[in-house]
C-alpha atoms as a PDB file:
ATOM      1  CA  MET A   1      71.753  56.771 109.677  1.00  0.00           C
ATOM      2  CA  HIS A   2      74.437  55.130 111.771  1.00  0.00           C
ATOM      3  CA  ASP A   3      77.023  56.415 109.315  1.00  0.00           C
ATOM      4  CA  ILE A   4      76.748  59.997 110.624  1.00  0.00           C
ATOM      5  CA  PHE A   5      77.884  58.983 114.107  1.00  0.00           C
ATOM      6  CA  ARG A   6      81.527  58.504 114.726  1.00  0.00           C
ATOM      7  CA  PHE A   7      80.687  55.903 117.357  1.00  0.00           C
ATOM      8  CA  GLY A   8      79.224  52.480 116.830  1.00  0.00           C
ATOM      9  CA  SER A   9      75.814  53.374 118.225  1.00  0.00           C
ATOM     10  CA  ILE A  10      73.715  56.266 119.410  1.00  0.00           C
ATOM     11  CA  GLU A  11      74.172  55.106 123.005  1.00  0.00           C
ATOM     12  CA  GLU A  12      77.959  55.331 122.688  1.00  0.00           C
ATOM     13  CA  GLY A  13      77.645  58.830 121.236  1.00  0.00           C
ATOM     14  CA  LEU A  14      75.373  59.923 124.062  1.00  0.00           C
ATOM     15  CA  ALA A  15      77.751  58.434 126.619  1.00  0.00           C
ATOM     16  CA  PHE A  16      80.612  60.380 125.032  1.00  0.00           C
ATOM     17  CA  ILE A  17      78.603  63.609 125.208  1.00  0.00           C
ATOM     18  CA  ALA A  18      77.720  62.921 128.856  1.00  0.00           C
ATOM     19  CA  VAL A  19      81.384  62.419 129.732  1.00  0.00           C
ATOM     20  CA  GLN A  20      82.352  65.610 127.906  1.00  0.00           C
ATOM     21  CA  LEU A  21      79.665  67.564 129.773  1.00  0.00           C
ATOM     22  CA  ALA A  22      80.892  66.181 133.095  1.00  0.00           C
ATOM     23  CA  ILE A  23      84.467  67.217 132.289  1.00  0.00           C
ATOM     24  CA  LEU A  24      83.296  70.686 131.241  1.00  0.00           C
ATOM     25  CA  SER A  25      81.266  71.150 134.416  1.00  0.00           C
ATOM     26  CA  ILE A  26      84.266  70.177 136.569  1.00  0.00           C
ATOM     27  CA  ALA A  27      86.471  72.620 134.657  1.00  0.00           C
ATOM     28  CA  LEU A  28      83.917  75.408 135.143  1.00  0.00           C
ATOM     29  CA  VAL A  29      83.694  74.725 138.880  1.00  0.00           C
ATOM     30  CA  TYR A  30      87.485  74.875 139.193  1.00  0.00           C
ATOM     31  CA  GLU A  31      87.579  78.113 137.172  1.00  0.00           C
ATOM     32  CA  TYR A  32      84.933  79.658 139.438  1.00  0.00           C
ATOM     33  CA  ARG A  33      86.818  78.576 142.573  1.00  0.00           C
ATOM     34  CA  TRP A  34      90.073  79.930 141.121  1.00  0.00           C
ATOM     35  CA  LYS A  35      88.478  83.338 140.514  1.00  0.00           C
ATOM     36  CA  GLN A  36      87.077  83.370 144.062  1.00  0.00           C
ATOM     37  CA  LEU A  37      90.505  82.511 145.501  1.00  0.00           C
ATOM     38  CA  GLU A  38      92.134  85.275 143.445  1.00  0.00           C
ATOM     39  CA  LYS A  39      89.598  87.763 144.801  1.00  0.00           C
ATOM     40  CA  LYS A  40      90.207  86.619 148.383  1.00  0.00           C
ATOM     41  CA  GLN A  41      93.961  86.870 147.845  1.00  0.00           C
ATOM     42  CA  LEU A  42      93.611  90.468 146.637  1.00  0.00           C
ATOM     43  CA  ASP A  43      91.455  91.300 149.654  1.00  0.00           C
ATOM     44  CA  LEU A  44      94.020  89.708 151.957  1.00  0.00           C
ATOM     45  CA  GLU A  45      96.898  91.590 150.321  1.00  0.00           C
ATOM     46  CA  SER A  46      94.971  94.838 150.752  1.00  0.00           C
ATOM     47  CA  LEU A  47      94.323  94.039 154.412  1.00  0.00           C
ATOM     48  CA  ILE A  48      98.007  93.232 155.004  1.00  0.00           C
ATOM     49  CA  PHE A  49      98.996  96.530 153.373  1.00  0.00           C
ATOM     50  CA  ASP A  50      96.533  98.431 155.571  1.00  0.00           C
ATOM     51  CA  ILE A  51      97.884  96.743 158.712  1.00  0.00           C
ATOM     52  CA  GLU A  52     101.473  97.531 157.706  1.00  0.00           C
ATOM     53  CA  MET A  53     100.614 101.200 157.118  1.00  0.00           C
ATOM     54  CA  TYR A  54      98.795 101.363 160.444  1.00  0.00           C
ATOM     55  CA  ALA A  55     101.770  99.787 162.228  1.00  0.00           C
ATOM     56  CA  LYS A  56     104.198 102.273 160.632  1.00  0.00           C
ATOM     57  CA  HIS A  57     101.950 105.173 161.607  1.00  0.00           C
ATOM     58  CA  ARG A  58     101.661 103.909 165.186  1.00  0.00           C
ATOM     59  CA  HIS A  59     105.416 103.381 165.369  1.00  0.00           C
ATOM     60  CA  LYS A  60     106.076 106.980 164.240  1.00  0.00           C
ATOM     61  CA  ARG A  61     103.586 108.368 166.761  1.00  0.00           C
ATOM     62  CA  LEU A  62     105.067 106.280 169.565  1.00  0.00           C
ATOM     63  CA  GLY A  63     108.596 107.404 168.630  1.00  0.00           C
ATOM     64  CA  ALA A  64     107.495 111.053 168.692  1.00  0.00           C
ATOM     65  CA  ARG A  65     105.927 110.594 172.119  1.00  0.00           C
ATOM     66  CA  LEU A  66     109.058 108.973 173.513  1.00  0.00           C
ATOM     67  CA  ARG A  67     111.226 111.834 172.213  1.00  0.00           C
ATOM     68  CA  ASP A  68     108.959 114.351 173.958  1.00  0.00           C
ATOM     69  CA  TYR A  69     109.725 112.829 177.366  1.00  0.00           C
END
């Protein structure tokens, strides 16, 4: 039965599987965090765009008011 394992014993095989699962879980956590950061970056870019548009609009209104005087 030991011939079907690529490792010397069942314990070594189980240890290998445990290490692989730990690596996979770390990779999944990083992937999740990366997706969350991408979403926050898009939200921030949208907010910056909105602020820029608001500032341009305010600047135009202020310029029109100053010309009226």
